[in-house]
Amino acid sequence: MKGLSACAVFAGFLVAGGLLVPGISGRSAKVPTRAIPQAVAAALSDVDPQEALGSKTAPIVMEIFSDYQCPACKMLFLSTNRPLIDDYVTTGKVYLIHRDFPLPSHAHSRVAARYSRAASKIGRLEVVKQALFENQEKWEQTGDVDSVVARVLAPAEMTKVRALVKGGTLDAMIDKDYTLGQTYHVNTTPTTIFHSKGQTFPYAGMMNYEILKQFLNQLLAQR
């Protein structure tokens, strides 16, 4: 699917458990507050540390369900993730978890997810994520994910990544994330699930950093 509308479903007011964050369009979008289901609680206690950044004891946990071929996911990663990491993740306020959610309509997104998973196993997830999103328009036309990744990894690293991709063990990890997303009723990317003080706050769509910052600060201020 082409364009941001293919992957993002709304941008308006985020209303969750009494929290109000103004969005871009001025429309309203009610976001339910839910208690954490048992299956979700188990998933949060069994996070692959190579797919996450920050401290597991942070007061806020953010799970971002993402598709490497999704334009809105690209925008979220390139414009929002870096200040989020600098201001909230490295300061111990947010534990940030990447979740793979390759949409069936995107022909090459699962291949890209395999390469990113392999890169995470050798400690190179973030650099490969950057390369995949920055070069999205290029590899989505040809499916040549391999050459994009090879440009940012050393030859020895790339040998390890290719071996992992060919090993056939990565799909189970991707499917685990996808199944978890279905538990949350994720059907579009990006979808971000916020966890704070025993409740979940799901938000589907692109959120710019200033809006996200307001919301995170309100969560942190809650008692």
Protein backbone atom coordinates (compact mmCIF):
# COMPACT_ATOMS: atom_id res chain seq x y z
CA MET A 1 0.00 0.00 0.00
CA LYS A 2 1.25 3.44 -0.88
CA GLY A 3 1.15 6.62 1.17
CA LEU A 4 0.63 7.29 4.83
CA SER A 5 -3.09 6.55 4.66
CA ALA A 6 -2.28 2.94 3.79
CA CYS A 7 -0.85 2.30 7.23
CA ALA A 8 -2.11 4.99 9.60
CA VAL A 9 -5.75 5.24 10.62
CA PHE A 10 -6.21 8.40 12.65
CA ALA A 11 -4.64 11.53 14.01
CA GLY A 12 -6.74 13.71 16.27
CA PHE A 13 -7.21 13.91 20.00
CA LEU A 14 -5.84 11.09 22.08
CA VAL A 15 -8.23 10.51 24.97
CA ALA A 16 -7.20 7.80 27.40
CA GLY A 17 -8.08 7.43 31.04
CA GLY A 18 -8.63 11.16 31.45
CA LEU A 19 -5.51 12.13 29.49
CA LEU A 20 -5.97 14.51 26.57
CA VAL A 21 -3.35 15.10 23.91
CA PRO A 22 -4.22 17.31 20.89
CA GLY A 23 -3.49 15.74 17.53
CA ILE A 24 -2.85 17.12 14.09
CA SER A 25 -6.25 17.06 12.44
CA GLY A 26 -8.49 18.39 15.19
CA ARG A 27 -10.77 15.37 14.97
CA SER A 28 -11.31 13.25 18.06
CA ALA A 29 -10.16 9.67 18.52
CA LYS A 30 -11.08 7.88 21.70
CA VAL A 31 -8.47 5.43 22.87
CA PRO A 32 -9.65 2.85 25.39
CA THR A 33 -7.79 2.25 28.60
CA ARG A 34 -7.50 -1.45 29.36
CA ALA A 35 -6.21 -3.63 32.15
CA ILE A 36 -3.23 -5.70 31.01
CA PRO A 37 -4.38 -9.17 29.87
CA GLN A 38 -2.52 -12.13 31.30
CA ALA A 39 -1.01 -13.05 27.92
CA VAL A 40 0.26 -9.49 27.48
CA ALA A 41 1.73 -9.40 30.97
CA ALA A 42 3.59 -12.60 30.18
CA ALA A 43 4.90 -11.12 26.91
CA LEU A 44 6.17 -8.03 28.72
CA SER A 45 8.10 -10.19 31.15
CA ASP A 46 9.66 -12.15 28.28
CA VAL A 47 10.99 -9.36 26.05
CA ASP A 48 13.98 -10.08 23.81
CA PRO A 49 16.49 -7.53 25.16
CA GLN A 50 18.04 -7.27 21.70
CA GLU A 51 14.74 -5.86 20.42
CA ALA A 52 14.40 -3.25 23.17
CA LEU A 53 16.07 -0.11 24.46
CA GLY A 54 16.22 1.29 27.97
CA SER A 55 15.51 -0.08 31.41
CA LYS A 56 12.89 -2.77 32.05
CA THR A 57 12.09 -0.95 35.30
CA ALA A 58 11.09 2.28 33.52
CA PRO A 59 7.67 3.61 34.59
CA ILE A 60 6.40 3.57 30.99
CA VAL A 61 6.71 0.72 28.51
CA MET A 62 6.14 1.46 24.82
CA GLU A 63 5.64 -1.33 22.31
CA ILE A 64 5.74 -0.15 18.69
CA PHE A 65 4.23 -2.58 16.19
CA SER A 66 5.95 -1.69 12.95
CA ASP A 67 6.24 -2.73 9.30
CA TYR A 68 9.43 -1.79 7.48
CA GLN A 69 7.53 -1.20 4.24
CA CYS A 70 5.02 1.18 5.86
CA PRO A 71 5.60 4.89 5.05
CA ALA A 72 4.05 6.02 8.35
CA CYS A 73 6.37 3.68 10.26
CA LYS A 74 9.29 5.24 8.41
CA MET A 75 8.17 8.73 9.41
CA LEU A 76 7.70 7.68 13.03
CA PHE A 77 11.16 6.15 13.20
CA LEU A 78 13.02 8.94 11.43
CA SER A 79 11.28 11.93 13.05
CA THR A 80 10.18 10.74 16.48
CA ASN A 81 12.32 7.86 17.73
CA ARG A 82 15.61 9.70 18.11
CA PRO A 83 14.35 12.46 20.43
CA LEU A 84 12.22 9.87 22.24
CA ILE A 85 15.34 7.80 22.92
CA ASP A 86 17.39 10.82 23.96
CA ASP A 87 14.78 12.35 26.28
CA TYR A 88 12.94 9.36 27.71
CA VAL A 89 14.68 6.05 27.02
CA THR A 90 18.24 6.89 28.03
CA THR A 91 16.94 8.77 31.08
CA GLY A 92 15.13 5.68 32.41
CA LYS A 93 11.57 6.93 31.84
CA VAL A 94 10.57 4.69 28.91
CA TYR A 95 11.35 1.10 28.00
CA LEU A 96 11.02 0.98 24.19
CA ILE A 97 10.21 -2.34 22.51
CA HIS A 98 10.23 -2.97 18.77
CA ARG A 99 7.56 -5.42 17.58
CA ASP A 100 7.53 -6.80 14.06
CA PHE A 101 4.12 -6.63 12.40
CA PRO A 102 4.67 -7.22 8.65
CA LEU A 103 1.40 -6.54 6.87
CA PRO A 104 0.35 -9.28 4.39
CA SER A 105 -0.23 -6.63 1.71
CA HIS A 106 3.45 -5.62 1.75
CA ALA A 107 5.40 -8.07 -0.38
CA HIS A 108 8.85 -7.53 1.12
CA SER A 109 8.18 -6.43 4.70
CA ARG A 110 8.70 -9.91 6.17
CA VAL A 111 12.04 -10.21 4.40
CA ALA A 112 13.08 -6.89 5.90
CA ALA A 113 11.91 -8.07 9.32
CA ARG A 114 14.11 -11.17 8.99
CA TYR A 115 17.16 -9.06 8.28
CA SER A 116 16.47 -6.72 11.18
CA ARG A 117 15.96 -9.69 13.49
CA ALA A 118 19.24 -11.16 12.35
CA ALA A 119 20.96 -7.82 12.89
CA SER A 120 19.58 -7.64 16.43
CA LYS A 121 21.27 -10.96 17.21
CA ILE A 122 24.66 -9.40 16.53
CA GLY A 123 23.85 -6.12 18.28
CA ARG A 124 23.28 -4.07 15.13
CA LEU A 125 19.52 -3.61 15.13
CA GLU A 126 19.36 0.19 15.24
CA VAL A 127 21.77 0.77 12.35
CA VAL A 128 19.91 -1.75 10.19
CA LYS A 129 16.51 -0.28 11.10
CA GLN A 130 17.83 3.13 10.06
CA ALA A 131 19.06 1.78 6.73
CA LEU A 132 15.81 -0.07 6.00
CA PHE A 133 13.62 2.95 6.68
CA GLU A 134 15.88 5.49 4.95
CA ASN A 135 16.02 3.31 1.81
CA GLN A 136 12.44 2.07 1.95
CA GLU A 137 11.46 3.34 -1.52
CA LYS A 138 14.45 1.57 -3.03
CA TRP A 139 14.13 -1.96 -1.68
CA GLU A 140 10.35 -2.07 -1.73
CA GLN A 141 10.49 -1.85 -5.52
CA THR A 142 12.98 -4.68 -6.01
CA GLY A 143 12.86 -6.71 -2.82
CA ASP A 144 16.63 -6.40 -2.57
CA VAL A 145 16.86 -5.94 1.17
CA ASP A 146 20.21 -7.72 1.30
CA SER A 147 22.17 -5.04 -0.55
CA VAL A 148 20.71 -2.25 1.59
CA VAL A 149 21.76 -3.99 4.78
CA ALA A 150 25.17 -4.92 3.37
CA ARG A 151 26.00 -1.24 2.89
CA VAL A 152 25.85 -0.53 6.63
CA LEU A 153 27.43 -3.69 8.05
CA ALA A 154 30.99 -4.95 7.93
CA PRO A 155 31.55 -8.03 5.69
CA ALA A 156 31.98 -10.30 8.72
CA GLU A 157 28.76 -8.97 10.24
CA MET A 158 26.91 -9.45 6.99
CA THR A 159 28.07 -13.05 6.79
CA LYS A 160 26.51 -13.69 10.20
CA VAL A 161 23.29 -11.91 9.24
CA ARG A 162 22.90 -13.90 6.02
CA ALA A 163 23.48 -17.15 7.87
CA LEU A 164 20.77 -16.25 10.40
CA VAL A 165 18.33 -15.23 7.65
CA LYS A 166 18.90 -18.51 5.82
CA GLY A 167 18.74 -20.52 9.03
CA GLY A 168 14.95 -20.41 9.15
CA THR A 169 14.63 -19.62 12.86
CA LEU A 170 13.64 -15.96 12.61
CA ASP A 171 10.08 -16.37 11.34
CA ALA A 172 8.99 -17.88 14.64
CA MET A 173 10.16 -14.71 16.43
CA ILE A 174 8.37 -12.48 13.94
CA ASP A 175 5.21 -14.57 14.23
CA LYS A 176 5.37 -14.28 18.01
CA ASP A 177 5.23 -10.49 17.71
CA TYR A 178 2.46 -10.70 15.12
CA THR A 179 0.36 -12.94 17.37
CA LEU A 180 0.88 -10.56 20.28
CA GLY A 181 -0.30 -7.72 18.05
CA GLN A 182 -3.50 -9.64 17.35
CA THR A 183 -4.02 -9.90 21.12
CA TYR A 184 -4.06 -6.09 21.12
CA HIS A 185 -6.29 -6.07 18.00
CA VAL A 186 -3.58 -4.37 15.97
CA ASN A 187 -4.62 -4.11 12.32
CA THR A 188 -2.59 -1.17 11.09
CA THR A 189 0.95 0.14 11.43
CA PRO A 190 2.39 1.84 13.27
CA THR A 191 0.45 0.98 16.40
CA THR A 192 1.94 1.99 19.72
CA ILE A 193 0.89 0.37 22.98
CA PHE A 194 1.69 2.40 26.08
CA HIS A 195 1.82 0.64 29.44
CA SER A 196 1.75 2.70 32.61
CA LYS A 197 0.68 1.90 36.17
CA GLY A 198 -1.01 -1.38 35.26
CA GLN A 199 -3.01 -0.15 32.28
CA THR A 200 -2.59 -0.11 28.52
CA PHE A 201 -3.17 2.81 26.16
CA PRO A 202 -3.24 1.75 22.48
CA TYR A 203 -2.74 4.33 19.75
CA ALA A 204 -2.88 3.57 16.02
CA GLY A 205 -1.13 5.88 13.60
CA MET A 206 1.66 8.40 13.35
CA MET A 207 2.26 10.69 16.34
CA ASN A 208 4.71 13.57 16.09
CA TYR A 209 7.21 14.05 18.86
CA GLU A 210 5.65 17.11 20.49
CA ILE A 211 2.32 15.30 20.87
CA LEU A 212 4.04 12.17 22.14
CA LYS A 213 6.06 14.24 24.63
CA GLN A 214 2.89 15.79 26.07
CA PHE A 215 1.31 12.38 26.50
CA LEU A 216 4.36 10.81 28.12
CA ASN A 217 4.68 13.71 30.55
CA GLN A 218 1.02 13.29 31.54
CA LEU A 219 1.57 9.58 32.13
CA LEU A 220 4.64 10.30 34.25
CA ALA A 221 2.70 12.87 36.29
CA GLN A 222 -0.10 10.43 37.13
CA ARG A 223 -0.16 9.05 40.66
